């Protein structure tokens, strides 16, 4: 990839100076490739494939799409598949696995993964945690933006969209993590 990018950059540079550019003769092809290798090793400017940061296997969009597709699924303690139903951490684990990201099974262990995120800096795809039935991270949801998150709503008995600014969740907010 670097060799191709260097070749394209060289062709553009030579072409922009008005000098004609011809492909190297077959007998000098290996010398040409060696020159390209030197250019890629000594280049000061990053090449095209080095400019973009490496992207994670899963993206926020794919995580949110997978979570949205499960809205209305039944809430079941210990559930971790659409066939079983879901509890909060089973839902998160299942959704992230669909995006190629492996997470532990329980909310408290999921809270140990990723980078902490301030509530004011939440982005879609972040995990939001709440203290509910036990101290610490005992409930988790997937933030989708605008103060909303997808989680298992026990009061409704289904996977639903919650509001992080609802009094119940404001009082129980524990923290957030970014894993993508």
Protein backbone atom coordinates (compact mmCIF):
# COMPACT_ATOMS: atom_id res chain seq x y z
CA UNK A 1 0.00 0.00 0.00
CA UNK A 2 2.83 2.40 0.88
CA UNK A 3 4.56 1.59 -2.40
CA UNK A 4 1.39 2.35 -4.37
CA UNK A 5 0.85 5.59 -2.46
CA UNK A 6 4.46 6.67 -3.04
CA UNK A 7 4.12 5.85 -6.74
CA UNK A 8 0.96 7.92 -7.01
CA UNK A 9 2.57 10.82 -5.09
CA UNK A 10 5.63 10.66 -7.34
CA UNK A 11 3.50 10.56 -10.47
CA UNK A 12 1.44 13.53 -9.31
CA UNK A 13 4.56 15.48 -8.34
CA UNK A 14 6.25 14.85 -11.68
CA UNK A 15 3.03 15.44 -13.58
CA UNK A 16 2.45 18.78 -11.85
CA UNK A 17 5.87 20.05 -12.95
CA UNK A 18 4.97 19.50 -16.56
CA UNK A 19 7.61 16.82 -17.04
CA UNK A 20 6.41 13.75 -18.89
CA UNK A 21 6.27 10.60 -16.86
CA UNK A 22 6.73 7.16 -18.36
CA UNK A 23 6.57 3.80 -16.67
CA UNK A 24 10.01 2.31 -16.05
CA UNK A 25 11.33 -0.19 -18.56
CA UNK A 26 10.99 -3.85 -17.61
CA UNK A 27 14.77 -4.17 -17.21
CA UNK A 28 14.86 -1.39 -14.63
CA UNK A 29 11.63 -2.31 -12.86
CA UNK A 30 13.43 -3.73 -9.80
CA UNK A 31 15.50 -0.56 -9.51
CA UNK A 32 12.31 1.44 -9.72
CA UNK A 33 10.74 -0.61 -6.89
CA UNK A 34 13.87 -0.16 -4.77
CA UNK A 35 13.63 3.60 -5.34
CA UNK A 36 10.01 3.53 -4.23
CA UNK A 37 11.02 1.58 -1.10
CA UNK A 38 13.59 4.25 -0.30
CA UNK A 39 11.03 6.99 -0.85
CA UNK A 40 8.56 5.36 1.51
CA UNK A 41 11.23 4.87 4.20
CA UNK A 42 12.58 8.41 3.95
CA UNK A 43 9.37 10.30 3.24
CA UNK A 44 8.74 13.15 5.66
CA UNK A 45 5.05 13.46 4.87
CA UNK A 46 2.76 10.62 5.96
CA UNK A 47 1.42 8.44 3.19
CA UNK A 48 -2.30 8.04 2.56
CA UNK A 49 -2.70 4.88 4.66
CA UNK A 50 -0.81 6.48 7.56
CA UNK A 51 -2.94 9.64 7.72
CA UNK A 52 -6.09 7.87 8.87
CA UNK A 53 -6.01 6.45 12.37
CA UNK A 54 -6.66 2.75 12.56
CA UNK A 55 -10.38 2.29 13.04
CA UNK A 56 -11.78 -0.13 15.60
CA UNK A 57 -13.44 -3.32 14.42
CA UNK A 58 -16.84 -2.03 15.47
CA UNK A 59 -18.17 1.46 15.02
CA UNK A 60 -20.61 3.47 17.08
CA UNK A 61 -23.07 3.39 14.19
CA UNK A 62 -23.03 -0.40 13.97
CA UNK A 63 -23.34 -0.75 17.75
CA UNK A 64 -26.32 1.61 17.86
CA UNK A 65 -27.97 -0.06 14.87
CA UNK A 66 -27.61 -3.46 16.53
CA UNK A 67 -29.02 -2.10 19.81
CA UNK A 68 -31.96 -0.40 18.05
CA UNK A 69 -32.82 -3.67 16.31
CA UNK A 70 -33.37 -5.22 19.75
CA UNK A 71 -35.83 -2.60 21.05
CA UNK A 72 -38.89 -4.39 22.41
CA UNK A 73 -37.06 -7.62 23.24
CA UNK A 74 -38.08 -9.06 26.62
CA UNK A 75 -36.06 -8.40 29.76
CA UNK A 76 -34.97 -11.61 31.48
CA UNK A 77 -32.51 -11.90 34.36
CA UNK A 78 -29.42 -13.69 33.03
CA UNK A 79 -30.57 -13.36 29.40
CA UNK A 80 -27.96 -12.70 26.74
CA UNK A 81 -29.55 -13.53 23.37
CA UNK A 82 -32.65 -12.49 21.43
CA UNK A 83 -34.04 -16.01 21.92
CA UNK A 84 -33.65 -15.79 25.71
CA UNK A 85 -34.29 -12.10 26.23
CA UNK A 86 -31.74 -9.83 27.89
CA UNK A 87 -30.55 -8.40 31.12
CA UNK A 88 -28.58 -5.16 30.87
CA UNK A 89 -25.07 -6.57 30.62
CA UNK A 90 -26.20 -9.44 28.39
CA UNK A 91 -27.67 -6.87 26.01
CA UNK A 92 -24.45 -4.82 25.96
CA UNK A 93 -22.26 -7.89 25.54
CA UNK A 94 -24.44 -9.22 22.70
CA UNK A 95 -24.61 -5.88 20.84
CA UNK A 96 -20.88 -5.22 21.04
CA UNK A 97 -20.11 -8.81 19.99
CA UNK A 98 -22.18 -8.15 16.83
CA UNK A 99 -19.73 -5.29 16.13
CA UNK A 100 -16.71 -7.54 16.76
CA UNK A 101 -15.93 -6.24 20.26
CA UNK A 102 -15.61 -8.68 23.14
CA UNK A 103 -16.81 -7.51 26.57
CA UNK A 104 -17.14 -9.28 29.92
CA UNK A 105 -20.55 -10.62 30.90
CA UNK A 106 -21.54 -8.48 33.89
CA UNK A 107 -21.96 -4.71 34.30
CA UNK A 108 -19.40 -4.45 37.09
CA UNK A 109 -16.77 -6.23 34.98
CA UNK A 110 -17.72 -4.28 31.85
CA UNK A 111 -17.09 -1.10 33.85
CA UNK A 112 -13.44 -2.14 34.18
CA UNK A 113 -13.00 -2.00 30.38
CA UNK A 114 -12.41 1.09 28.23
CA UNK A 115 -11.58 4.71 28.92
CA UNK A 116 -13.52 6.83 31.41
CA UNK A 117 -15.71 9.51 29.83
CA UNK A 118 -17.10 12.60 31.53
CA UNK A 119 -20.88 12.83 31.38
CA UNK A 120 -20.56 16.10 29.46
CA UNK A 121 -18.39 14.37 26.82
CA UNK A 122 -20.60 11.35 26.07
CA UNK A 123 -20.67 10.18 22.47
CA UNK A 124 -22.98 7.66 20.79
CA UNK A 125 -21.74 4.15 21.49
CA UNK A 126 -20.38 4.96 24.97
CA UNK A 127 -21.47 2.76 27.84
CA UNK A 128 -23.33 4.46 30.70
CA UNK A 129 -23.45 2.87 34.16
CA UNK A 130 -25.79 3.24 37.09
CA UNK A 131 -25.92 2.01 40.68
CA UNK A 132 -29.24 0.23 41.06
CA UNK A 133 -29.70 -3.00 43.03
CA UNK A 134 -26.07 -3.22 44.23
CA UNK A 135 -23.30 -0.72 45.00
CA UNK A 136 -21.09 0.19 42.05
CA UNK A 137 -21.87 -0.44 38.40
CA UNK A 138 -24.96 -2.66 38.53
CA UNK A 139 -26.85 -1.41 35.45
CA UNK A 140 -25.48 -0.52 32.01
CA UNK A 141 -26.84 0.94 28.80
CA UNK A 142 -25.58 2.12 25.41
CA UNK A 143 -25.60 5.89 24.91
CA UNK A 144 -27.22 6.92 21.59
CA UNK A 145 -26.97 10.71 21.88
CA UNK A 146 -29.15 13.61 23.03
CA UNK A 147 -29.27 12.26 26.58
CA UNK A 148 -30.79 8.92 25.52
CA UNK A 149 -29.52 5.38 25.95
CA UNK A 150 -30.70 1.88 25.11
CA UNK A 151 -31.01 -0.48 28.07
CA UNK A 152 -33.17 -3.12 29.65
CA UNK A 153 -36.07 -1.26 31.23
CA UNK A 154 -37.23 -3.57 34.02
CA UNK A 155 -40.25 -1.38 34.72
CA UNK A 156 -41.42 -1.90 31.13
CA UNK A 157 -40.13 -5.46 30.79
CA UNK A 158 -38.44 -4.74 27.44
CA UNK A 159 -35.31 -3.32 25.87
CA UNK A 160 -36.14 0.37 25.59
CA UNK A 161 -34.72 3.88 25.29
CA UNK A 162 -34.08 5.63 28.58
CA UNK A 163 -33.31 9.26 29.37
CA UNK A 164 -30.09 9.90 31.27
CA UNK A 165 -31.67 13.10 32.64
CA UNK A 166 -34.64 11.28 34.18
CA UNK A 167 -34.58 11.76 37.98
CA UNK A 168 -34.21 8.00 38.54
CA UNK A 169 -31.05 7.82 36.43
CA UNK A 170 -29.61 11.17 37.57
CA UNK A 171 -29.64 9.94 41.19
CA UNK A 172 -28.05 6.61 40.23
CA UNK A 173 -25.51 7.67 37.58
CA UNK A 174 -22.19 5.91 38.26
CA UNK A 175 -20.02 6.76 35.23
CA UNK A 176 -19.33 6.09 31.56
CA UNK A 177 -16.75 4.25 29.51
CA UNK A 178 -15.71 4.37 25.86
CA UNK A 179 -14.73 1.05 24.31
CA UNK A 180 -14.95 2.04 20.62
